[in-house]
């Protein structure tokens, strides 16, 4: 299946930019509760969640554009879970747990960015 490679590259670059913002904003917190201590922390947490939603949505779009072929070439990332976080945050926002978001930032964001960077290199 053929797809618009330049569009996919553009979306991957947007994802990469969002991941960089998530990392920067998450560096505010040393523990998950830091997000809940004051307005600044809550603003950071909200903005991280918004970026995670955007990343999940963008990955869904890439899957659609590429006929589910591109993401499958990078099985080291649990794409289904990333897209699932998007659904969870979008539809159950008030159930969001700062500890879960903090864990995502600390454990999963860096490997995701590394893979997105590799995908960009592979497509160029």
PDB file of N, CA and C in Angstrom:
ATOM      1  N   UNK A   1       0.838  -1.182   0.000  1.00  0.00           N
ATOM      2  CA  UNK A   1       0.000   0.000   0.000  1.00  0.00           C
ATOM      3  C   UNK A   1       0.883   1.246   0.000  1.00  0.00           C
ATOM      4  N   UNK A   2       0.548   2.172  -0.814  1.00  0.00           N
ATOM      5  CA  UNK A   2       1.279   3.426  -0.916  1.00  0.00           C
ATOM      6  C   UNK A   2       0.613   4.477  -0.034  1.00  0.00           C
ATOM      7  N   UNK A   3       1.422   5.344   0.546  1.00  0.00           N
ATOM      8  CA  UNK A   3       0.868   6.420   1.365  1.00  0.00           C
ATOM      9  C   UNK A   3       1.731   7.668   1.214  1.00  0.00           C
ATOM     10  N   UNK A   4       1.190   8.781   1.660  1.00  0.00           N
ATOM     11  CA  UNK A   4       1.860  10.074   1.570  1.00  0.00           C
ATOM     12  C   UNK A   4       2.954  10.144   2.641  1.00  0.00           C
ATOM     13  N   UNK A   5       4.173   9.820   2.222  1.00  0.00           N
ATOM     14  CA  UNK A   5       5.294   9.760   3.156  1.00  0.00           C
ATOM     15  C   UNK A   5       5.578  11.127   3.782  1.00  0.00           C
ATOM     16  N   UNK A   6       5.444  12.202   3.018  1.00  0.00           N
ATOM     17  CA  UNK A   6       5.719  13.535   3.570  1.00  0.00           C
ATOM     18  C   UNK A   6       4.717  13.885   4.679  1.00  0.00           C
ATOM     19  N   UNK A   7       3.473  13.464   4.533  1.00  0.00           N
ATOM     20  CA  UNK A   7       2.472  13.693   5.571  1.00  0.00           C
ATOM     21  C   UNK A   7       2.826  12.914   6.840  1.00  0.00           C
ATOM     22  N   UNK A   8       3.234  11.669   6.664  1.00  0.00           N
ATOM     23  CA  UNK A   8       3.613  10.844   7.818  1.00  0.00           C
ATOM     24  C   UNK A   8       4.821  11.449   8.524  1.00  0.00           C
ATOM     25  N   UNK A   9       5.792  11.919   7.765  1.00  0.00           N
ATOM     26  CA  UNK A   9       6.968  12.562   8.359  1.00  0.00           C
ATOM     27  C   UNK A   9       6.557  13.809   9.146  1.00  0.00           C
ATOM     28  N   UNK A  10       5.661  14.587   8.572  1.00  0.00           N
ATOM     29  CA  UNK A  10       5.177  15.787   9.265  1.00  0.00           C
ATOM     30  C   UNK A  10       4.502  15.424  10.585  1.00  0.00           C
ATOM     31  N   UNK A  11       3.671  14.406  10.571  1.00  0.00           N
ATOM     32  CA  UNK A  11       2.984  13.970  11.798  1.00  0.00           C
ATOM     33  C   UNK A  11       3.999  13.449  12.816  1.00  0.00           C
ATOM     34  N   UNK A  12       4.960  12.669  12.358  1.00  0.00           N
ATOM     35  CA  UNK A  12       5.995  12.159  13.271  1.00  0.00           C
ATOM     36  C   UNK A  12       6.795  13.293  13.891  1.00  0.00           C
ATOM     37  N   UNK A  13       7.067  14.337  13.125  1.00  0.00           N
ATOM     38  CA  UNK A  13       7.779  15.496  13.672  1.00  0.00           C
ATOM     39  C   UNK A  13       6.934  16.209  14.729  1.00  0.00           C
ATOM     40  N   UNK A  14       5.626  16.299  14.482  1.00  0.00           N
ATOM     41  CA  UNK A  14       4.725  16.895  15.475  1.00  0.00           C
ATOM     42  C   UNK A  14       4.712  16.052  16.753  1.00  0.00           C
ATOM     43  N   UNK A  15       4.697  14.743  16.600  1.00  0.00           N
ATOM     44  CA  UNK A  15       4.744  13.848  17.758  1.00  0.00           C
ATOM     45  C   UNK A  15       6.045  14.071  18.511  1.00  0.00           C
ATOM     46  N   UNK A  16       7.149  14.133  17.792  1.00  0.00           N
ATOM     47  CA  UNK A  16       8.452  14.338  18.414  1.00  0.00           C
ATOM     48  C   UNK A  16       8.483  15.655  19.196  1.00  0.00           C
ATOM     49  N   UNK A  17       7.935  16.715  18.617  1.00  0.00           N
ATOM     50  CA  UNK A  17       7.867  18.009  19.306  1.00  0.00           C
ATOM     51  C   UNK A  17       7.022  17.904  20.574  1.00  0.00           C
ATOM     52  N   UNK A  18       5.906  17.198  20.492  1.00  0.00           N
ATOM     53  CA  UNK A  18       5.045  17.022  21.666  1.00  0.00           C
ATOM     54  C   UNK A  18       5.745  16.221  22.754  1.00  0.00           C
ATOM     55  N   UNK A  19       6.484  15.213  22.364  1.00  0.00           N
ATOM     56  CA  UNK A  19       7.222  14.414  23.344  1.00  0.00           C
ATOM     57  C   UNK A  19       8.253  15.297  24.053  1.00  0.00           C
ATOM     58  N   UNK A  20       8.928  16.156  23.305  1.00  0.00           N
ATOM     59  CA  UNK A  20       9.903  17.061  23.919  1.00  0.00           C
ATOM     60  C   UNK A  20       9.232  17.970  24.953  1.00  0.00           C
ATOM     61  N   UNK A  21       8.043  18.460  24.629  1.00  0.00           N
ATOM     62  CA  UNK A  21       7.307  19.289  25.587  1.00  0.00           C
ATOM     63  C   UNK A  21       6.890  18.487  26.821  1.00  0.00           C
ATOM     64  N   UNK A  22       6.442  17.262  26.615  1.00  0.00           N
ATOM     65  CA  UNK A  22       6.063  16.404  27.738  1.00  0.00           C
ATOM     66  C   UNK A  22       7.264  16.202  28.657  1.00  0.00           C
ATOM     67  N   UNK A  23       8.414  15.902  28.079  1.00  0.00           N
ATOM     68  CA  UNK A  23       9.622  15.683  28.887  1.00  0.00           C
ATOM     69  C   UNK A  23       9.982  16.944  29.679  1.00  0.00           C
ATOM     70  N   UNK A  24       9.915  18.086  29.019  1.00  0.00           N
ATOM     71  CA  UNK A  24      10.249  19.352  29.679  1.00  0.00           C
ATOM     72  C   UNK A  24       9.282  19.628  30.826  1.00  0.00           C
ATOM     73  N   UNK A  25       8.005  19.459  30.576  1.00  0.00           N
ATOM     74  CA  UNK A  25       7.000  19.751  31.596  1.00  0.00           C
ATOM     75  C   UNK A  25       7.016  18.737  32.728  1.00  0.00           C
ATOM     76  N   UNK A  26       7.352  17.505  32.411  1.00  0.00           N
ATOM     77  CA  UNK A  26       7.409  16.477  33.454  1.00  0.00           C
ATOM     78  C   UNK A  26       8.632  16.668  34.357  1.00  0.00           C
ATOM     79  N   UNK A  27       9.668  17.315  33.846  1.00  0.00           N
ATOM     80  CA  UNK A  27      10.870  17.522  34.657  1.00  0.00           C
ATOM     81  C   UNK A  27      10.573  18.398  35.881  1.00  0.00           C
ATOM     82  N   UNK A  28       9.434  19.072  35.859  1.00  0.00           N
ATOM     83  CA  UNK A  28       8.976  19.872  36.996  1.00  0.00           C
ATOM     84  C   UNK A  28       8.808  19.003  38.244  1.00  0.00           C
ATOM     85  N   UNK A  29       8.374  17.780  38.054  1.00  0.00           N
ATOM     86  CA  UNK A  29       8.005  16.919  39.179  1.00  0.00           C
ATOM     87  C   UNK A  29       9.092  15.886  39.491  1.00  0.00           C
ATOM     88  N   UNK A  30       9.417  15.778  40.750  1.00  0.00           N
ATOM     89  CA  UNK A  30      10.338  14.726  41.208  1.00  0.00           C
ATOM     90  C   UNK A  30       9.551  13.479  41.627  1.00  0.00           C
ATOM     91  N   UNK A  31       8.329  13.715  42.088  1.00  0.00           N
ATOM     92  CA  UNK A  31       7.390  12.637  42.416  1.00  0.00           C
ATOM     93  C   UNK A  31       6.020  13.060  41.878  1.00  0.00           C
ATOM     94  N   UNK A  32       5.134  12.094  41.736  1.00  0.00           N
ATOM     95  CA  UNK A  32       3.818  12.380  41.149  1.00  0.00           C
ATOM     96  C   UNK A  32       3.048  13.441  41.922  1.00  0.00           C
ATOM     97  N   UNK A  33       3.166  13.429  43.235  1.00  0.00           N
ATOM     98  CA  UNK A  33       2.421  14.394  44.053  1.00  0.00           C
ATOM     99  C   UNK A  33       2.828  15.841  43.794  1.00  0.00           C
ATOM    100  N   UNK A  34       4.011  16.061  43.227  1.00  0.00           N
ATOM    101  CA  UNK A  34       4.426  17.428  42.899  1.00  0.00           C
ATOM    102  C   UNK A  34       3.440  18.085  41.944  1.00  0.00           C
ATOM    103  N   UNK A  35       2.782  17.288  41.117  1.00  0.00           N
ATOM    104  CA  UNK A  35       1.795  17.840  40.187  1.00  0.00           C
ATOM    105  C   UNK A  35       0.538  18.327  40.910  1.00  0.00           C
ATOM    106  N   UNK A  36       0.311  17.819  42.097  1.00  0.00           N
ATOM    107  CA  UNK A  36      -0.951  18.084  42.794  1.00  0.00           C
ATOM    108  C   UNK A  36      -0.816  19.119  43.898  1.00  0.00           C
ATOM    109  N   UNK A  37       0.378  19.641  44.119  1.00  0.00           N
ATOM    110  CA  UNK A  37       0.632  20.536  45.252  1.00  0.00           C
ATOM    111  C   UNK A  37       0.184  21.972  45.046  1.00  0.00           C
ATOM    112  N   UNK A  38       0.122  22.415  43.778  1.00  0.00           N
ATOM    113  CA  UNK A  38      -0.223  23.813  43.525  1.00  0.00           C
ATOM    114  C   UNK A  38      -0.719  23.973  42.084  1.00  0.00           C
ATOM    115  N   UNK A  39      -1.133  25.179  41.768  1.00  0.00           N
ATOM    116  CA  UNK A  39      -1.674  25.442  40.424  1.00  0.00           C
ATOM    117  C   UNK A  39      -0.641  25.188  39.335  1.00  0.00           C
ATOM    118  N   UNK A  40       0.615  25.558  39.588  1.00  0.00           N
ATOM    119  CA  UNK A  40       1.645  25.335  38.568  1.00  0.00           C
ATOM    120  C   UNK A  40       1.769  23.848  38.231  1.00  0.00           C
ATOM    121  N   UNK A  41       1.760  23.012  39.250  1.00  0.00           N
ATOM    122  CA  UNK A  41       1.837  21.574  39.019  1.00  0.00           C
ATOM    123  C   UNK A  41       0.634  21.052  38.262  1.00  0.00           C
ATOM    124  N   UNK A  42      -0.544  21.519  38.628  1.00  0.00           N
ATOM    125  CA  UNK A  42      -1.760  21.082  37.943  1.00  0.00           C
ATOM    126  C   UNK A  42      -1.770  21.528  36.483  1.00  0.00           C
ATOM    127  N   UNK A  43      -1.277  22.738  36.236  1.00  0.00           N
ATOM    128  CA  UNK A  43      -1.192  23.221  34.851  1.00  0.00           C
ATOM    129  C   UNK A  43      -0.237  22.345  34.054  1.00  0.00           C
ATOM    130  N   UNK A  44       0.895  22.001  34.651  1.00  0.00           N
ATOM    131  CA  UNK A  44       1.854  21.117  33.965  1.00  0.00           C
ATOM    132  C   UNK A  44       1.204  19.759  33.681  1.00  0.00           C
ATOM    133  N   UNK A  45       0.515  19.204  34.678  1.00  0.00           N
ATOM    134  CA  UNK A  45      -0.131  17.905  34.510  1.00  0.00           C
ATOM    135  C   UNK A  45      -1.193  17.960  33.411  1.00  0.00           C
ATOM    136  N   UNK A  46      -2.015  18.999  33.425  1.00  0.00           N
ATOM    137  CA  UNK A  46      -3.032  19.149  32.379  1.00  0.00           C
ATOM    138  C   UNK A  46      -2.393  19.246  30.994  1.00  0.00           C
ATOM    139  N   UNK A  47      -1.325  20.009  30.899  1.00  0.00           N
ATOM    140  CA  UNK A  47      -0.692  20.180  29.582  1.00  0.00           C
ATOM    141  C   UNK A  47      -0.027  18.897  29.107  1.00  0.00           C
ATOM    142  N   UNK A  48       0.523  18.137  30.036  1.00  0.00           N
ATOM    143  CA  UNK A  48       1.100  16.833  29.678  1.00  0.00           C
ATOM    144  C   UNK A  48      -0.002  15.915  29.150  1.00  0.00           C
ATOM    145  N   UNK A  49      -1.119  15.889  29.847  1.00  0.00           N
ATOM    146  CA  UNK A  49      -2.242  15.046  29.407  1.00  0.00           C
ATOM    147  C   UNK A  49      -2.726  15.448  28.020  1.00  0.00           C
ATOM    148  N   UNK A  50      -2.805  16.743  27.772  1.00  0.00           N
ATOM    149  CA  UNK A  50      -3.250  17.205  26.448  1.00  0.00           C
ATOM    150  C   UNK A  50      -2.285  16.733  25.375  1.00  0.00           C
ATOM    151  N   UNK A  51      -1.004  16.811  25.643  1.00  0.00           N
ATOM    152  CA  UNK A  51      -0.005  16.349  24.671  1.00  0.00           C
ATOM    153  C   UNK A  51      -0.081  14.836  24.479  1.00  0.00           C
ATOM    154  N   UNK A  52      -0.322  14.095  25.539  1.00  0.00           N
ATOM    155  CA  UNK A  52      -0.459  12.637  25.405  1.00  0.00           C
ATOM    156  C   UNK A  52      -1.679  12.286  24.554  1.00  0.00           C
ATOM    157  N   UNK A  53      -2.753  13.046  24.716  1.00  0.00           N
ATOM    158  CA  UNK A  53      -3.933  12.850  23.874  1.00  0.00           C
ATOM    159  C   UNK A  53      -3.572  13.110  22.414  1.00  0.00           C
ATOM    160  N   UNK A  54      -2.872  14.211  22.173  1.00  0.00           N
ATOM    161  CA  UNK A  54      -2.483  14.568  20.801  1.00  0.00           C
ATOM    162  C   UNK A  54      -1.566  13.511  20.188  1.00  0.00           C
ATOM    163  N   UNK A  55      -0.643  12.984  20.973  1.00  0.00           N
ATOM    164  CA  UNK A  55       0.270  11.939  20.485  1.00  0.00           C
ATOM    165  C   UNK A  55      -0.516  10.692  20.114  1.00  0.00           C
ATOM    166  N   UNK A  56      -1.421  10.273  20.980  1.00  0.00           N
ATOM    167  CA  UNK A  56      -2.230   9.088  20.696  1.00  0.00           C
ATOM    168  C   UNK A  56      -3.082   9.259  19.455  1.00  0.00           C
ATOM    169  N   UNK A  57      -3.666  10.429  19.298  1.00  0.00           N
ATOM    170  CA  UNK A  57      -4.493  10.703  18.125  1.00  0.00           C
ATOM    171  C   UNK A  57      -3.644  10.706  16.860  1.00  0.00           C
ATOM    172  N   UNK A  58      -2.468  11.312  16.930  1.00  0.00           N
ATOM    173  CA  UNK A  58      -1.570  11.349  15.771  1.00  0.00           C
ATOM    174  C   UNK A  58      -1.128   9.945  15.378  1.00  0.00           C
ATOM    175  N   UNK A  59      -0.880   9.100  16.358  1.00  0.00           N
ATOM    176  CA  UNK A  59      -0.488   7.715  16.060  1.00  0.00           C
ATOM    177  C   UNK A  59      -1.642   6.949  15.417  1.00  0.00           C
ATOM    178  N   UNK A  60      -2.856   7.212  15.863  1.00  0.00           N
ATOM    179  CA  UNK A  60      -4.018   6.597  15.214  1.00  0.00           C
ATOM    180  C   UNK A  60      -4.087   7.031  13.752  1.00  0.00           C
ATOM    181  N   UNK A  61      -3.814   8.298  13.494  1.00  0.00           N
ATOM    182  CA  UNK A  61      -3.834   8.808  12.120  1.00  0.00           C
ATOM    183  C   UNK A  61      -2.751   8.156  11.274  1.00  0.00           C
ATOM    184  N   UNK A  62      -1.563   8.007  11.832  1.00  0.00           N
ATOM    185  CA  UNK A  62      -0.477   7.348  11.099  1.00  0.00           C
ATOM    186  C   UNK A  62      -0.863   5.917  10.765  1.00  0.00           C
ATOM    187  N   UNK A  63      -1.453   5.225  11.726  1.00  0.00           N
ATOM    188  CA  UNK A  63      -1.897   3.850  11.486  1.00  0.00           C
ATOM    189  C   UNK A  63      -2.895   3.796  10.329  1.00  0.00           C
ATOM    190  N   UNK A  64      -3.808   4.740  10.311  1.00  0.00           N
ATOM    191  CA  UNK A  64      -4.817   4.789   9.254  1.00  0.00           C
ATOM    192  C   UNK A  64      -4.178   5.103   7.898  1.00  0.00           C
ATOM    193  N   UNK A  65      -3.332   6.121   7.869  1.00  0.00           N
ATOM    194  CA  UNK A  65      -2.688   6.551   6.627  1.00  0.00           C
ATOM    195  C   UNK A  65      -1.828   5.444   6.022  1.00  0.00           C
ATOM    196  N   UNK A  66      -1.136   4.702   6.887  1.00  0.00           N
ATOM    197  CA  UNK A  66      -0.188   3.684   6.405  1.00  0.00           C
ATOM    198  C   UNK A  66      -0.799   2.291   6.328  1.00  0.00           C
ATOM    199  N   UNK A  67      -2.091   2.185   6.490  1.00  0.00           N
ATOM    200  CA  UNK A  67      -2.735   0.876   6.444  1.00  0.00           C
ATOM    201  C   UNK A  67      -2.217  -0.071   7.521  1.00  0.00           C
ATOM    202  N   UNK A  68      -1.925   0.487   8.673  1.00  0.00           N
ATOM    203  CA  UNK A  68      -1.433  -0.256   9.843  1.00  0.00           C
ATOM    204  C   UNK A  68      -0.081  -0.942   9.612  1.00  0.00           C
ATOM    205  N   UNK A  69       0.673  -0.445   8.658  1.00  0.00           N
ATOM    206  CA  UNK A  69       1.951  -1.082   8.322  1.00  0.00           C
ATOM    207  C   UNK A  69       3.150  -0.466   9.043  1.00  0.00           C
ATOM    208  N   UNK A  70       3.185   0.864   9.173  1.00  0.00           N
ATOM    209  CA  UNK A  70       4.379   1.524   9.685  1.00  0.00           C
ATOM    210  C   UNK A  70       4.648   1.203  11.157  1.00  0.00           C
ATOM    211  N   UNK A  71       3.668   1.413  12.006  1.00  0.00           N
ATOM    212  CA  UNK A  71       3.883   1.173  13.439  1.00  0.00           C
ATOM    213  C   UNK A  71       4.247  -0.283  13.707  1.00  0.00           C
ATOM    214  N   UNK A  72       3.686  -1.185  12.938  1.00  0.00           N
ATOM    215  CA  UNK A  72       3.969  -2.619  13.112  1.00  0.00           C
ATOM    216  C   UNK A  72       5.439  -2.951  12.879  1.00  0.00           C
ATOM    217  N   UNK A  73       6.150  -2.082  12.160  1.00  0.00           N
ATOM    218  CA  UNK A  73       7.572  -2.309  11.905  1.00  0.00           C
ATOM    219  C   UNK A  73       8.445  -1.973  13.120  1.00  0.00           C
ATOM    220  N   UNK A  74       7.836  -1.430  14.158  1.00  0.00           N
ATOM    221  CA  UNK A  74       8.565  -1.029  15.363  1.00  0.00           C
ATOM    222  C   UNK A  74       7.880  -1.642  16.595  1.00  0.00           C
ATOM    223  N   UNK A  75       7.994  -2.970  16.738  1.00  0.00           N
ATOM    224  CA  UNK A  75       7.247  -3.673  17.789  1.00  0.00           C
ATOM    225  C   UNK A  75       7.770  -3.432  19.212  1.00  0.00           C
ATOM    226  N   UNK A  76       8.881  -2.741  19.348  1.00  0.00           N
ATOM    227  CA  UNK A  76       9.412  -2.481  20.692  1.00  0.00           C
ATOM    228  C   UNK A  76       8.531  -1.496  21.470  1.00  0.00           C
ATOM    229  N   UNK A  77       7.646  -0.818  20.770  1.00  0.00           N
ATOM    230  CA  UNK A  77       6.721   0.127  21.416  1.00  0.00           C
ATOM    231  C   UNK A  77       5.328  -0.492  21.450  1.00  0.00           C
ATOM    232  N   UNK A  78       4.659  -0.348  22.585  1.00  0.00           N
ATOM    233  CA  UNK A  78       3.295  -0.844  22.740  1.00  0.00           C
ATOM    234  C   UNK A  78       2.326   0.235  22.221  1.00  0.00           C
ATOM    235  N   UNK A  79       2.177   0.269  20.907  1.00  0.00           N
ATOM    236  CA  UNK A  79       1.364   1.298  20.247  1.00  0.00           C
ATOM    237  C   UNK A  79      -0.084   1.268  20.725  1.00  0.00           C
ATOM    238  N   UNK A  80      -0.594   0.084  20.941  1.00  0.00           N
ATOM    239  CA  UNK A  80      -1.993  -0.047  21.364  1.00  0.00           C
ATOM    240  C   UNK A  80      -2.223   0.660  22.702  1.00  0.00           C
ATOM    241  N   UNK A  81      -1.281   0.519  23.611  1.00  0.00           N
ATOM    242  CA  UNK A  81      -1.416   1.177  24.916  1.00  0.00           C
ATOM    243  C   UNK A  81      -1.336   2.691  24.802  1.00  0.00           C
ATOM    244  N   UNK A  82      -0.462   3.177  23.938  1.00  0.00           N
ATOM    245  CA  UNK A  82      -0.337   4.632  23.756  1.00  0.00           C
ATOM    246  C   UNK A  82      -1.657   5.186  23.212  1.00  0.00           C
ATOM    247  N   UNK A  83      -2.207   4.503  22.222  1.00  0.00           N
ATOM    248  CA  UNK A  83      -3.490   4.953  21.674  1.00  0.00           C
ATOM    249  C   UNK A  83      -4.595   4.791  22.721  1.00  0.00           C
ATOM    250  N   UNK A  84      -4.465   3.796  23.574  1.00  0.00           N
ATOM    251  CA  UNK A  84      -5.438   3.578  24.639  1.00  0.00           C
ATOM    252  C   UNK A  84      -5.401   4.669  25.700  1.00  0.00           C
ATOM    253  N   UNK A  85      -4.197   5.169  26.005  1.00  0.00           N
ATOM    254  CA  UNK A  85      -4.076   6.279  26.958  1.00  0.00           C
ATOM    255  C   UNK A  85      -4.817   7.500  26.416  1.00  0.00           C
ATOM    256  N   UNK A  86      -4.717   7.709  25.116  1.00  0.00           N
ATOM    257  CA  UNK A  86      -5.434   8.814  24.477  1.00  0.00           C
ATOM    258  C   UNK A  86      -6.926   8.670  24.727  1.00  0.00           C
ATOM    259  N   UNK A  87      -7.448   7.474  24.526  1.00  0.00           N
ATOM    260  CA  UNK A  87      -8.878   7.237  24.731  1.00  0.00           C
ATOM    261  C   UNK A  87      -9.256   7.432  26.199  1.00  0.00           C
ATOM    262  N   UNK A  88      -8.438   6.908  27.084  1.00  0.00           N
ATOM    263  CA  UNK A  88      -8.711   7.020  28.518  1.00  0.00           C
ATOM    264  C   UNK A  88      -8.726   8.485  28.951  1.00  0.00           C
ATOM    265  N   UNK A  89      -7.707   9.232  28.544  1.00  0.00           N
ATOM    266  CA  UNK A  89      -7.642  10.637  28.942  1.00  0.00           C
ATOM    267  C   UNK A  89      -8.769  11.456  28.316  1.00  0.00           C
ATOM    268  N   UNK A  90      -9.116  11.140  27.094  1.00  0.00           N
ATOM    269  CA  UNK A  90     -10.166  11.902  26.404  1.00  0.00           C
ATOM    270  C   UNK A  90     -11.550  11.637  26.984  1.00  0.00           C
ATOM    271  N   UNK A  91     -11.804  10.402  27.332  1.00  0.00           N
ATOM    272  CA  UNK A  91     -13.162  10.023  27.730  1.00  0.00           C
ATOM    273  C   UNK A  91     -13.364   9.887  29.235  1.00  0.00           C
ATOM    274  N   UNK A  92     -12.269   9.807  29.986  1.00  0.00           N
ATOM    275  CA  UNK A  92     -12.366   9.642  31.445  1.00  0.00           C
ATOM    276  C   UNK A  92     -11.380  10.574  32.137  1.00  0.00           C
ATOM    277  N   UNK A  93     -11.319  11.817  31.665  1.00  0.00           N
ATOM    278  CA  UNK A  93     -10.308  12.757  32.131  1.00  0.00           C
ATOM    279  C   UNK A  93     -10.324  12.924  33.647  1.00  0.00           C
ATOM    280  N   UNK A  94     -11.498  12.976  34.237  1.00  0.00           N
ATOM    281  CA  UNK A  94     -11.572  13.222  35.675  1.00  0.00           C
ATOM    282  C   UNK A  94     -11.139  12.017  36.503  1.00  0.00           C
ATOM    283  N   UNK A  95     -10.949  10.882  35.849  1.00  0.00           N
ATOM    284  CA  UNK A  95     -10.432   9.700  36.527  1.00  0.00           C
ATOM    285  C   UNK A  95      -8.907   9.609  36.405  1.00  0.00           C
ATOM    286  N   UNK A  96      -8.305  10.584  35.739  1.00  0.00           N
ATOM    287  CA  UNK A  96      -6.875  10.577  35.495  1.00  0.00           C
ATOM    288  C   UNK A  96      -6.106  10.543  36.815  1.00  0.00           C
ATOM    289  N   UNK A  97      -5.054   9.764  36.838  1.00  0.00           N
ATOM    290  CA  UNK A  97      -4.249   9.558  38.030  1.00  0.00           C
ATOM    291  C   UNK A  97      -2.855  10.144  37.793  1.00  0.00           C
ATOM    292  N   UNK A  98      -2.462  11.088  38.631  1.00  0.00           N
ATOM    293  CA  UNK A  98      -1.149  11.735  38.480  1.00  0.00           C
ATOM    294  C   UNK A  98      -0.017  10.715  38.532  1.00  0.00           C
ATOM    295  N   UNK A  99      -0.176   9.691  39.334  1.00  0.00           N
ATOM    296  CA  UNK A  99       0.858   8.645  39.456  1.00  0.00           C
ATOM    297  C   UNK A  99       1.045   7.917  38.123  1.00  0.00           C
ATOM    298  N   UNK A 100      -0.045   7.622  37.445  1.00  0.00           N
ATOM    299  CA  UNK A 100       0.026   6.943  36.142  1.00  0.00           C
ATOM    300  C   UNK A 100       0.707   7.846  35.119  1.00  0.00           C
ATOM    301  N   UNK A 101       0.318   9.108  35.069  1.00  0.00           N
ATOM    302  CA  UNK A 101       0.907  10.048  34.112  1.00  0.00           C
ATOM    303  C   UNK A 101       2.394  10.229  34.411  1.00  0.00           C
ATOM    304  N   UNK A 102       2.736  10.362  35.684  1.00  0.00           N
ATOM    305  CA  UNK A 102       4.138  10.487  36.078  1.00  0.00           C
ATOM    306  C   UNK A 102       4.935   9.261  35.632  1.00  0.00           C
ATOM    307  N   UNK A 103       4.366   8.074  35.834  1.00  0.00           N
ATOM    308  CA  UNK A 103       5.025   6.830  35.405  1.00  0.00           C
ATOM    309  C   UNK A 103       5.223   6.777  33.900  1.00  0.00           C
ATOM    310  N   UNK A 104       4.229   7.209  33.153  1.00  0.00           N
ATOM    311  CA  UNK A 104       4.355   7.254  31.687  1.00  0.00           C
ATOM    312  C   UNK A 104       5.515   8.167  31.303  1.00  0.00           C
ATOM    313  N   UNK A 105       5.555   9.330  31.935  1.00  0.00           N
ATOM    314  CA  UNK A 105       6.625  10.295  31.625  1.00  0.00           C
ATOM    315  C   UNK A 105       8.003   9.723  31.946  1.00  0.00           C
ATOM    316  N   UNK A 106       8.129   9.096  33.073  1.00  0.00           N
ATOM    317  CA  UNK A 106       9.439   8.628  33.525  1.00  0.00           C
ATOM    318  C   UNK A 106       9.894   7.338  32.840  1.00  0.00           C
ATOM    319  N   UNK A 107       8.956   6.482  32.425  1.00  0.00           N
ATOM    320  CA  UNK A 107       9.343   5.168  31.904  1.00  0.00           C
ATOM    321  C   UNK A 107       9.147   4.995  30.403  1.00  0.00           C
ATOM    322  N   UNK A 108       8.187   5.678  29.820  1.00  0.00           N
ATOM    323  CA  UNK A 108       7.809   5.357  28.441  1.00  0.00           C
ATOM    324  C   UNK A 108       8.068   6.454  27.409  1.00  0.00           C
ATOM    325  N   UNK A 109       8.190   7.678  27.864  1.00  0.00           N
ATOM    326  CA  UNK A 109       8.316   8.792  26.920  1.00  0.00           C
ATOM    327  C   UNK A 109       9.663   8.761  26.186  1.00  0.00           C
ATOM    328  N   UNK A 110      10.723   8.519  26.905  1.00  0.00           N
ATOM    329  CA  UNK A 110      12.060   8.488  26.274  1.00  0.00           C
ATOM    330  C   UNK A 110      12.173   7.378  25.223  1.00  0.00           C
ATOM    331  N   UNK A 111      11.784   6.128  25.546  1.00  0.00           N
ATOM    332  CA  UNK A 111      11.839   5.091  24.500  1.00  0.00           C
ATOM    333  C   UNK A 111      10.947   5.423  23.297  1.00  0.00           C
ATOM    334  N   UNK A 112       9.799   6.041  23.553  1.00  0.00           N
ATOM    335  CA  UNK A 112       8.921   6.435  22.444  1.00  0.00           C
ATOM    336  C   UNK A 112       9.622   7.464  21.563  1.00  0.00           C
ATOM    337  N   UNK A 113      10.248   8.454  22.170  1.00  0.00           N
ATOM    338  CA  UNK A 113      10.937   9.468  21.378  1.00  0.00           C
ATOM    339  C   UNK A 113      12.085   8.864  20.575  1.00  0.00           C
ATOM    340  N   UNK A 114      12.806   7.937  21.184  1.00  0.00           N
ATOM    341  CA  UNK A 114      13.894   7.274  20.454  1.00  0.00           C
ATOM    342  C   UNK A 114      13.360   6.545  19.224  1.00  0.00           C
ATOM    343  N   UNK A 115      12.241   5.871  19.374  1.00  0.00           N
ATOM    344  CA  UNK A 115      11.658   5.137  18.250  1.00  0.00           C
ATOM    345  C   UNK A 115      11.106   6.086  17.200  1.00  0.00           C
ATOM    346  N   UNK A 116      10.455   7.160  17.629  1.00  0.00           N
ATOM    347  CA  UNK A 116       9.941   8.145  16.667  1.00  0.00           C
ATOM    348  C   UNK A 116      11.103   8.744  15.877  1.00  0.00           C
ATOM    349  N   UNK A 117      12.193   9.041  16.530  1.00  0.00           N
ATOM    350  CA  UNK A 117      13.374   9.577  15.843  1.00  0.00           C
ATOM    351  C   UNK A 117      13.920   8.574  14.821  1.00  0.00           C
ATOM    352  N   UNK A 118      13.946   7.306  15.213  1.00  0.00           N
ATOM    353  CA  UNK A 118      14.401   6.258  14.295  1.00  0.00           C
ATOM    354  C   UNK A 118      13.469   6.141  13.092  1.00  0.00           C
ATOM    355  N   UNK A 119      12.172   6.243  13.341  1.00  0.00           N
ATOM    356  CA  UNK A 119      11.200   6.186  12.247  1.00  0.00           C
ATOM    357  C   UNK A 119      11.430   7.339  11.278  1.00  0.00           C
ATOM    358  N   UNK A 120      11.660   8.533  11.824  1.00  0.00           N
ATOM    359  CA  UNK A 120      11.926   9.685  10.965  1.00  0.00           C
ATOM    360  C   UNK A 120      13.183   9.455  10.114  1.00  0.00           C
ATOM    361  N   UNK A 121      14.219   8.950  10.755  1.00  0.00           N
ATOM    362  CA  UNK A 121      15.452   8.662  10.009  1.00  0.00           C
ATOM    363  C   UNK A 121      15.212   7.630   8.910  1.00  0.00           C
ATOM    364  N   UNK A 122      14.456   6.601   9.232  1.00  0.00           N
ATOM    365  CA  UNK A 122      14.181   5.541   8.265  1.00  0.00           C
ATOM    366  C   UNK A 122      13.358   6.038   7.085  1.00  0.00           C
ATOM    367  N   UNK A 123      12.459   7.005   7.335  1.00  0.00           N
ATOM    368  CA  UNK A 123      11.588   7.497   6.259  1.00  0.00           C
ATOM    369  C   UNK A 123      12.255   8.553   5.383  1.00  0.00           C
ATOM    370  N   UNK A 124      13.300   9.166   5.892  1.00  0.00           N
ATOM    371  CA  UNK A 124      13.946  10.246   5.114  1.00  0.00           C
ATOM    372  C   UNK A 124      14.952   9.746   4.119  1.00  0.00           C
TER     373      UNK A 124
END
